[in-house]
N, C-alpha and C. Protein backbone atom coordinates (compact mmCIF):
# COMPACT_ATOMS: atom_id res chain seq x y z
N MET A 1 -64.82 15.40 47.64
CA MET A 1 -63.42 15.44 47.88
C MET A 1 -62.83 14.38 48.83
N GLY A 2 -63.59 14.50 49.87
CA GLY A 2 -63.10 13.60 51.17
C GLY A 2 -62.50 14.21 52.07
N CYS A 3 -61.82 13.41 52.79
CA CYS A 3 -61.02 13.78 53.96
C CYS A 3 -59.52 14.39 53.48
N LEU A 4 -59.04 15.48 54.04
CA LEU A 4 -58.04 16.22 53.65
C LEU A 4 -57.08 16.28 54.93
N VAL A 5 -55.72 16.28 54.55
CA VAL A 5 -54.65 16.42 55.58
C VAL A 5 -54.17 17.89 55.28
N VAL A 6 -54.29 18.66 56.26
CA VAL A 6 -54.05 20.05 56.21
C VAL A 6 -52.50 20.44 56.81
N PHE A 7 -51.76 21.06 56.30
CA PHE A 7 -50.45 21.31 56.71
C PHE A 7 -50.20 22.72 56.28
N VAL A 8 -49.13 23.29 56.97
CA VAL A 8 -48.85 24.57 57.14
C VAL A 8 -47.39 24.84 56.73
N LEU A 9 -47.24 26.00 55.61
CA LEU A 9 -45.90 26.48 55.29
C LEU A 9 -46.11 28.11 55.44
N ASP A 10 -45.21 28.62 56.20
CA ASP A 10 -45.32 30.23 56.23
C ASP A 10 -46.64 30.71 56.67
N GLU A 11 -47.15 30.02 57.64
CA GLU A 11 -48.49 30.51 57.97
C GLU A 11 -49.53 30.36 57.01
N ARG A 12 -49.45 29.72 56.02
CA ARG A 12 -50.55 29.61 55.14
C ARG A 12 -51.08 28.12 54.94
N GLY A 13 -52.28 27.86 54.74
CA GLY A 13 -52.77 26.38 54.73
C GLY A 13 -52.81 25.73 53.35
N TYR A 14 -52.18 24.47 53.36
CA TYR A 14 -52.37 23.62 52.29
C TYR A 14 -52.90 22.42 52.60
N ALA A 15 -53.29 21.39 51.53
CA ALA A 15 -53.83 20.25 51.91
C ALA A 15 -53.73 19.13 50.84
N LEU A 16 -53.58 17.95 51.42
CA LEU A 16 -53.41 16.55 50.53
C LEU A 16 -54.54 15.79 50.76
N ARG A 17 -55.01 14.97 49.67
CA ARG A 17 -55.94 14.21 50.10
C ARG A 17 -55.41 12.94 51.12
N LEU A 18 -56.34 12.63 52.10
CA LEU A 18 -55.72 11.71 53.11
C LEU A 18 -55.39 10.37 52.48
N THR A 19 -56.07 9.99 51.21
CA THR A 19 -55.65 8.72 50.76
C THR A 19 -54.26 8.68 50.11
N ALA A 20 -53.66 9.77 49.90
CA ALA A 20 -52.23 9.89 49.40
C ALA A 20 -51.22 9.99 50.54
N VAL A 21 -51.90 10.20 51.86
CA VAL A 21 -50.86 10.34 52.90
C VAL A 21 -50.80 9.04 53.69
N GLU A 22 -49.46 8.65 53.87
CA GLU A 22 -49.20 7.31 54.66
C GLU A 22 -49.09 7.69 56.03
N ARG A 23 -48.23 8.55 56.59
CA ARG A 23 -48.16 8.97 57.77
C ARG A 23 -47.53 10.40 58.17
N ILE A 24 -47.46 10.91 59.18
CA ILE A 24 -46.65 12.10 59.38
C ILE A 24 -45.75 11.78 60.51
N VAL A 25 -44.41 12.07 60.37
CA VAL A 25 -43.27 11.80 61.32
C VAL A 25 -42.53 13.15 61.60
N ARG A 26 -41.72 13.03 62.75
CA ARG A 26 -40.96 14.24 63.10
C ARG A 26 -39.92 14.32 61.85
N ALA A 27 -39.45 15.63 61.53
CA ALA A 27 -38.41 15.83 60.58
C ALA A 27 -37.15 15.10 61.12
N VAL A 28 -36.43 14.22 60.13
CA VAL A 28 -35.23 13.75 60.29
C VAL A 28 -34.04 14.49 59.29
N GLU A 29 -33.09 13.94 59.56
CA GLU A 29 -31.79 14.39 58.60
C GLU A 29 -32.07 13.91 57.32
N VAL A 30 -32.00 14.74 56.31
CA VAL A 30 -32.15 14.51 54.85
C VAL A 30 -30.82 14.40 54.25
N LEU A 31 -30.33 13.22 53.66
CA LEU A 31 -29.21 12.94 53.05
C LEU A 31 -29.18 13.52 51.74
N PRO A 32 -28.41 14.49 51.21
CA PRO A 32 -28.54 15.05 49.95
C PRO A 32 -28.26 13.87 48.84
N LEU A 33 -29.07 14.01 47.68
CA LEU A 33 -28.81 13.03 46.77
C LEU A 33 -28.23 13.64 45.49
N PRO A 34 -27.00 13.39 45.02
CA PRO A 34 -26.39 13.91 43.97
C PRO A 34 -27.14 13.64 42.81
N LYS A 35 -27.14 14.40 41.78
CA LYS A 35 -27.83 14.39 40.42
C LYS A 35 -29.50 14.41 40.51
N ALA A 36 -29.95 14.62 41.74
CA ALA A 36 -31.34 14.78 41.78
C ALA A 36 -31.83 15.98 41.23
N PRO A 37 -33.16 16.10 40.94
CA PRO A 37 -33.58 17.49 40.43
C PRO A 37 -33.62 18.35 41.59
N GLU A 38 -33.58 19.59 41.09
CA GLU A 38 -33.50 20.66 42.06
C GLU A 38 -34.47 20.70 43.17
N ILE A 39 -35.87 20.15 42.90
CA ILE A 39 -36.87 20.17 43.59
C ILE A 39 -36.76 19.10 44.77
N VAL A 40 -35.68 18.16 44.58
CA VAL A 40 -35.58 17.13 45.69
C VAL A 40 -34.49 17.44 46.72
N LEU A 41 -34.88 17.58 47.94
CA LEU A 41 -33.88 17.95 48.98
C LEU A 41 -32.99 16.90 49.16
N GLY A 42 -33.30 15.61 48.95
CA GLY A 42 -32.46 14.49 49.39
C GLY A 42 -33.30 13.33 49.61
N VAL A 43 -32.96 12.30 50.40
CA VAL A 43 -33.45 11.11 50.82
C VAL A 43 -33.53 10.82 52.39
N VAL A 44 -34.41 10.04 52.71
CA VAL A 44 -34.53 9.60 54.16
C VAL A 44 -34.52 8.15 54.07
N ASN A 45 -34.27 7.60 55.19
CA ASN A 45 -34.42 6.12 55.50
C ASN A 45 -35.59 5.90 56.32
N VAL A 46 -36.59 5.21 55.97
CA VAL A 46 -37.87 4.98 56.64
C VAL A 46 -38.10 3.48 56.85
N HIS A 47 -37.81 2.98 57.96
CA HIS A 47 -37.78 1.40 58.01
C HIS A 47 -37.22 0.66 56.89
N GLY A 48 -36.08 1.13 56.39
CA GLY A 48 -35.42 0.48 55.27
C GLY A 48 -35.66 0.75 53.89
N ARG A 49 -36.56 1.80 53.77
CA ARG A 49 -37.04 2.32 52.55
C ARG A 49 -36.44 3.54 52.30
N VAL A 50 -35.79 3.72 51.09
CA VAL A 50 -35.06 5.12 50.78
C VAL A 50 -36.42 5.99 50.21
N ILE A 51 -36.55 6.89 50.72
CA ILE A 51 -37.64 7.79 50.21
C ILE A 51 -37.19 9.27 49.81
N PRO A 52 -37.42 9.62 48.48
CA PRO A 52 -37.10 11.14 48.11
C PRO A 52 -37.82 12.07 48.85
N VAL A 53 -37.02 13.22 49.30
CA VAL A 53 -37.86 14.31 50.16
C VAL A 53 -37.96 15.47 49.10
N VAL A 54 -39.32 15.93 48.85
CA VAL A 54 -39.38 17.08 47.87
C VAL A 54 -39.50 18.44 48.58
N ASP A 55 -38.95 19.28 48.02
CA ASP A 55 -38.92 20.68 48.49
C ASP A 55 -40.25 21.43 48.23
N ILE A 56 -41.26 21.23 48.75
CA ILE A 56 -42.51 21.82 48.36
C ILE A 56 -42.41 23.43 48.53
N ARG A 57 -41.71 23.96 49.35
CA ARG A 57 -41.44 25.34 49.51
C ARG A 57 -40.97 25.85 48.02
N LYS A 58 -39.98 25.13 47.39
CA LYS A 58 -39.47 25.65 46.07
C LYS A 58 -40.74 25.34 45.08
N ARG A 59 -41.37 24.40 45.10
CA ARG A 59 -42.42 24.17 44.09
C ARG A 59 -43.55 25.35 44.28
N PHE A 60 -43.83 25.65 45.44
CA PHE A 60 -44.86 26.86 45.79
C PHE A 60 -44.36 28.03 45.71
N ARG A 61 -43.05 28.38 45.35
CA ARG A 61 -42.40 29.67 45.28
C ARG A 61 -42.39 30.53 46.53
N LEU A 62 -42.21 29.74 47.75
CA LEU A 62 -41.95 30.27 48.88
C LEU A 62 -40.56 30.53 49.23
N PRO A 63 -40.25 31.30 50.14
CA PRO A 63 -38.82 31.55 50.37
C PRO A 63 -38.15 30.20 51.11
N ALA A 64 -36.90 29.98 50.70
CA ALA A 64 -36.26 28.75 51.15
C ALA A 64 -35.75 28.90 52.56
N ARG A 65 -35.74 27.84 53.38
CA ARG A 65 -35.15 27.98 54.70
C ARG A 65 -34.74 26.54 55.00
N GLU A 66 -33.80 26.56 56.10
CA GLU A 66 -33.32 25.46 56.60
C GLU A 66 -34.47 24.44 57.28
N MET A 67 -34.32 23.25 57.27
CA MET A 67 -35.22 22.37 57.92
C MET A 67 -35.07 22.65 59.49
N ARG A 68 -36.19 22.63 60.35
CA ARG A 68 -35.94 22.79 61.79
C ARG A 68 -36.41 21.43 62.48
N LEU A 69 -35.95 21.34 63.55
CA LEU A 69 -36.25 19.94 64.46
C LEU A 69 -37.76 20.12 64.66
N SER A 70 -38.56 21.38 64.50
CA SER A 70 -39.94 21.25 64.96
C SER A 70 -40.65 20.85 63.58
N ASP A 71 -40.11 20.78 62.27
CA ASP A 71 -40.90 20.68 61.19
C ASP A 71 -41.33 19.06 61.08
N GLN A 72 -42.19 18.92 60.22
CA GLN A 72 -42.92 17.57 60.20
C GLN A 72 -42.87 16.98 58.73
N LEU A 73 -42.48 15.76 58.58
CA LEU A 73 -42.37 15.06 57.29
C LEU A 73 -43.68 14.32 57.09
N ILE A 74 -44.41 14.69 56.06
CA ILE A 74 -45.38 14.05 55.55
C ILE A 74 -45.07 12.99 54.53
N LEU A 75 -45.27 11.68 54.85
CA LEU A 75 -44.91 10.65 53.98
C LEU A 75 -46.15 10.19 53.20
N ALA A 76 -46.08 10.39 51.90
CA ALA A 76 -47.08 10.35 51.14
C ALA A 76 -46.77 9.43 49.77
N ARG A 77 -47.69 9.09 48.90
CA ARG A 77 -47.32 8.44 47.74
C ARG A 77 -48.08 8.94 46.55
N THR A 78 -47.50 8.81 45.45
CA THR A 78 -47.90 9.33 44.08
C THR A 78 -48.30 8.06 43.53
N SER A 79 -48.86 7.88 42.28
CA SER A 79 -49.07 6.85 41.56
C SER A 79 -47.85 5.98 41.08
N LYS A 80 -46.52 6.81 41.33
CA LYS A 80 -45.32 6.21 40.73
C LYS A 80 -44.25 6.12 41.84
N ARG A 81 -44.65 6.64 43.09
CA ARG A 81 -43.35 6.40 44.15
C ARG A 81 -44.00 7.13 45.46
N ARG A 82 -43.24 6.75 46.61
CA ARG A 82 -43.44 7.20 47.92
C ARG A 82 -42.53 8.45 47.83
N VAL A 83 -43.07 9.63 48.44
CA VAL A 83 -42.14 10.77 48.65
C VAL A 83 -42.34 11.25 50.16
N GLY A 84 -41.51 12.16 50.58
CA GLY A 84 -41.62 13.05 51.70
C GLY A 84 -41.78 14.41 51.35
N LEU A 85 -42.57 15.10 52.24
CA LEU A 85 -42.66 16.50 52.23
C LEU A 85 -42.62 17.08 53.38
N VAL A 86 -41.80 18.15 53.49
CA VAL A 86 -41.49 18.74 54.63
C VAL A 86 -42.41 19.98 54.92
N ALA A 87 -43.13 19.92 56.01
CA ALA A 87 -44.22 20.92 56.56
C ALA A 87 -43.78 21.47 57.70
N ASP A 88 -44.07 22.89 57.95
CA ASP A 88 -43.96 23.66 59.23
C ASP A 88 -44.50 22.82 60.30
N THR A 89 -45.85 22.67 60.10
CA THR A 89 -46.64 21.82 60.77
C THR A 89 -47.69 21.11 60.10
N VAL A 90 -48.46 20.18 60.60
CA VAL A 90 -49.57 19.40 60.20
C VAL A 90 -50.64 19.76 61.06
N SER A 91 -51.65 20.53 60.62
CA SER A 91 -52.68 20.95 61.59
C SER A 91 -53.89 20.10 61.84
N GLY A 92 -54.04 19.15 60.97
CA GLY A 92 -55.10 17.92 61.19
C GLY A 92 -55.77 17.77 59.87
N LEU A 93 -56.87 17.18 60.21
CA LEU A 93 -57.72 16.61 59.11
C LEU A 93 -59.33 17.53 58.86
N LEU A 94 -59.56 17.44 57.59
CA LEU A 94 -60.79 18.36 57.31
C LEU A 94 -61.35 17.68 56.26
N GLU A 95 -62.76 17.60 56.60
CA GLU A 95 -63.70 16.97 55.62
C GLU A 95 -64.32 17.86 54.72
N ARG A 96 -64.32 17.65 53.26
CA ARG A 96 -65.01 18.54 52.42
C ARG A 96 -65.56 17.73 51.20
N SER A 97 -66.78 18.05 51.02
CA SER A 97 -67.50 17.25 49.93
C SER A 97 -67.17 17.94 48.47
N ALA A 98 -67.12 17.24 47.55
CA ALA A 98 -66.79 17.58 46.23
C ALA A 98 -67.57 19.01 45.83
N GLU A 99 -68.90 19.07 46.36
CA GLU A 99 -69.50 20.33 46.13
C GLU A 99 -68.94 21.67 46.84
N GLU A 100 -68.11 21.33 47.85
CA GLU A 100 -67.51 22.43 48.59
C GLU A 100 -66.11 22.77 48.28
N VAL A 101 -65.66 22.15 47.05
CA VAL A 101 -64.21 22.41 46.64
C VAL A 101 -64.48 22.99 45.21
N ILE A 102 -63.84 24.06 44.88
CA ILE A 102 -63.80 24.91 43.68
C ILE A 102 -62.79 24.10 42.76
N LEU A 103 -62.83 23.85 41.72
CA LEU A 103 -62.12 23.16 40.64
C LEU A 103 -61.17 24.27 40.07
N PRO A 104 -59.91 23.97 40.10
CA PRO A 104 -58.71 24.91 39.64
C PRO A 104 -59.09 25.58 38.28
N GLU A 105 -59.64 24.76 37.48
CA GLU A 105 -60.09 25.23 36.14
C GLU A 105 -60.95 26.61 35.95
N THR A 106 -61.68 26.66 36.97
CA THR A 106 -62.75 27.60 37.13
C THR A 106 -62.14 28.94 37.59
N ILE A 107 -60.92 28.88 38.32
CA ILE A 107 -59.98 29.88 38.91
C ILE A 107 -59.20 30.60 37.88
N VAL A 108 -58.09 29.73 37.58
CA VAL A 108 -57.21 30.00 36.67
C VAL A 108 -56.87 28.57 35.81
N PRO A 109 -57.21 28.60 34.43
CA PRO A 109 -56.99 27.33 33.67
C PRO A 109 -55.31 27.09 33.69
N GLY A 110 -55.00 25.83 33.89
CA GLY A 110 -53.67 25.54 33.90
C GLY A 110 -52.84 25.50 35.14
N LEU A 111 -53.55 25.60 36.29
CA LEU A 111 -52.93 25.62 37.67
C LEU A 111 -52.36 24.27 37.84
N GLU A 112 -50.88 24.35 37.70
CA GLU A 112 -50.26 23.01 38.09
C GLU A 112 -50.38 22.69 39.62
N TYR A 113 -50.38 21.41 39.84
CA TYR A 113 -50.19 20.78 41.08
C TYR A 113 -51.39 20.87 42.08
N VAL A 114 -52.45 21.63 41.54
CA VAL A 114 -53.67 22.03 42.54
C VAL A 114 -54.92 21.07 41.94
N ALA A 115 -55.36 20.42 42.94
CA ALA A 115 -56.62 19.61 42.61
C ALA A 115 -57.87 20.27 42.81
N GLY A 116 -57.82 21.39 43.69
CA GLY A 116 -59.02 22.26 43.92
C GLY A 116 -58.84 23.26 45.05
N VAL A 117 -59.64 24.15 45.52
CA VAL A 117 -59.63 25.33 46.38
C VAL A 117 -60.74 25.12 47.26
N ALA A 118 -60.56 25.09 48.71
CA ALA A 118 -61.56 24.98 49.84
C ALA A 118 -61.58 26.23 50.28
N LYS A 119 -62.88 26.77 50.62
CA LYS A 119 -63.05 27.94 51.21
C LYS A 119 -63.24 27.53 52.67
N LEU A 120 -62.32 28.35 53.54
CA LEU A 120 -62.46 28.27 55.09
C LEU A 120 -62.85 29.55 55.44
N GLU A 121 -63.28 29.36 56.88
CA GLU A 121 -63.78 30.79 57.59
C GLU A 121 -62.60 31.69 57.38
N ASP A 122 -61.32 31.48 57.66
CA ASP A 122 -60.21 32.35 57.75
C ASP A 122 -59.59 32.34 56.30
N GLY A 123 -59.94 31.95 55.32
CA GLY A 123 -59.39 32.06 53.95
C GLY A 123 -59.47 30.83 53.08
N LEU A 124 -58.36 30.65 52.11
CA LEU A 124 -58.64 29.69 51.12
C LEU A 124 -57.43 28.46 51.67
N LEU A 125 -57.82 27.40 51.21
CA LEU A 125 -56.99 26.21 51.40
C LEU A 125 -56.85 25.45 49.97
N LEU A 126 -55.50 25.69 49.49
CA LEU A 126 -55.05 24.65 48.29
C LEU A 126 -54.91 23.36 48.20
N ILE A 127 -55.71 22.55 47.76
CA ILE A 127 -55.45 21.23 47.74
C ILE A 127 -54.69 20.59 46.56
N HIS A 128 -53.60 19.99 47.11
CA HIS A 128 -52.53 19.74 46.01
C HIS A 128 -52.80 18.29 45.33
N ASP A 129 -52.48 18.08 44.15
CA ASP A 129 -52.47 16.63 43.49
C ASP A 129 -50.80 16.27 43.42
N LEU A 130 -50.45 15.29 44.14
CA LEU A 130 -49.21 14.84 44.17
C LEU A 130 -48.78 14.27 42.87
N ASP A 131 -49.72 13.54 42.07
CA ASP A 131 -49.32 13.08 40.91
C ASP A 131 -48.91 13.79 39.82
N ARG A 132 -49.25 15.23 40.05
CA ARG A 132 -48.66 16.41 39.14
C ARG A 132 -47.48 17.10 39.70
N PHE A 133 -47.09 16.63 40.99
CA PHE A 133 -46.16 17.52 41.56
C PHE A 133 -44.75 17.40 40.97
N LEU A 134 -44.36 16.27 40.44
CA LEU A 134 -43.03 16.30 39.84
C LEU A 134 -43.27 16.15 38.23
N SER A 135 -42.61 17.00 37.51
CA SER A 135 -42.58 16.78 35.81
C SER A 135 -42.13 15.48 35.51
N LEU A 136 -42.41 15.04 34.27
CA LEU A 136 -41.80 13.84 33.73
C LEU A 136 -40.32 13.95 33.69
N GLU A 137 -39.86 15.10 33.39
CA GLU A 137 -38.19 15.21 33.36
C GLU A 137 -37.67 15.22 34.92
N GLU A 138 -38.27 15.71 35.87
CA GLU A 138 -37.79 15.69 37.17
C GLU A 138 -38.07 14.13 37.60
N GLU A 139 -39.24 13.42 37.11
CA GLU A 139 -39.36 11.91 37.61
C GLU A 139 -38.35 11.12 36.92
N LYS A 140 -37.72 11.42 35.60
CA LYS A 140 -36.55 10.64 35.11
C LYS A 140 -35.34 10.85 35.89
N ARG A 141 -35.21 12.25 36.13
CA ARG A 141 -33.85 12.68 36.88
C ARG A 141 -33.79 11.91 38.21
N LEU A 142 -34.78 11.85 39.03
CA LEU A 142 -34.98 11.40 40.26
C LEU A 142 -34.71 9.89 40.11
N ASP A 143 -35.38 9.27 39.18
CA ASP A 143 -35.08 7.64 39.01
C ASP A 143 -33.51 7.40 38.96
N GLN A 144 -33.13 8.35 37.97
CA GLN A 144 -31.53 8.01 37.49
C GLN A 144 -30.59 8.26 38.87
N ALA A 145 -31.10 9.27 39.68
CA ALA A 145 -30.21 9.58 40.98
C ALA A 145 -30.37 8.49 41.94
N LEU A 146 -31.61 7.79 41.99
CA LEU A 146 -31.98 6.80 42.78
C LEU A 146 -31.26 5.39 42.23
N GLY A 147 -30.93 5.46 41.11
CA GLY A 147 -30.12 4.29 40.36
C GLY A 147 -31.28 3.35 39.91
N LYS A 148 -32.49 3.83 39.58
CA LYS A 148 -33.47 3.13 38.81
C LYS A 148 -33.80 3.22 37.55
N GLY A 149 -32.79 4.29 36.83
CA GLY A 149 -33.33 4.49 35.48
C GLY A 149 -31.96 4.70 34.70
N PRO A 150 -32.05 4.60 33.29
CA PRO A 150 -30.92 4.69 32.51
C PRO A 150 -30.06 5.86 32.74
N PRO A 151 -28.78 6.08 32.60
CA PRO A 151 -28.18 7.29 32.75
C PRO A 151 -28.41 8.13 31.71
N ALA A 152 -28.44 9.48 32.05
CA ALA A 152 -28.79 10.55 31.08
C ALA A 152 -27.55 10.67 30.03
């Protein structure tokens, strides 16, 4: 599995592969994006690039809350685009071999967005697959909202 970036939402740990993460920055104001999928909070400008910010709380079925100044923005990339993810905190890096990660199919077949589960001393860590994070329909709607696709 390799190196993972561990982040926290509502005191629960989640992770992304380090290879998908570009950097972590302080939360900034997110500009709402009309006609974007419900999962997209809006966009941010990072060094002249407009990056959509995805509401991972909504995707993980966690209670919604307003962004805080203490939040962190994980700038990451999928195979199709760069995205921002709002986290309560980013707690660090964790190294896990493939043998130390449980494949999601062995737990519950059809787990969306999950690339694996790592056991920790104090619980479990869900490792997420950003390439499966947005559905095809959400990708199309986001492209349209960003002015990159044909209108619906």
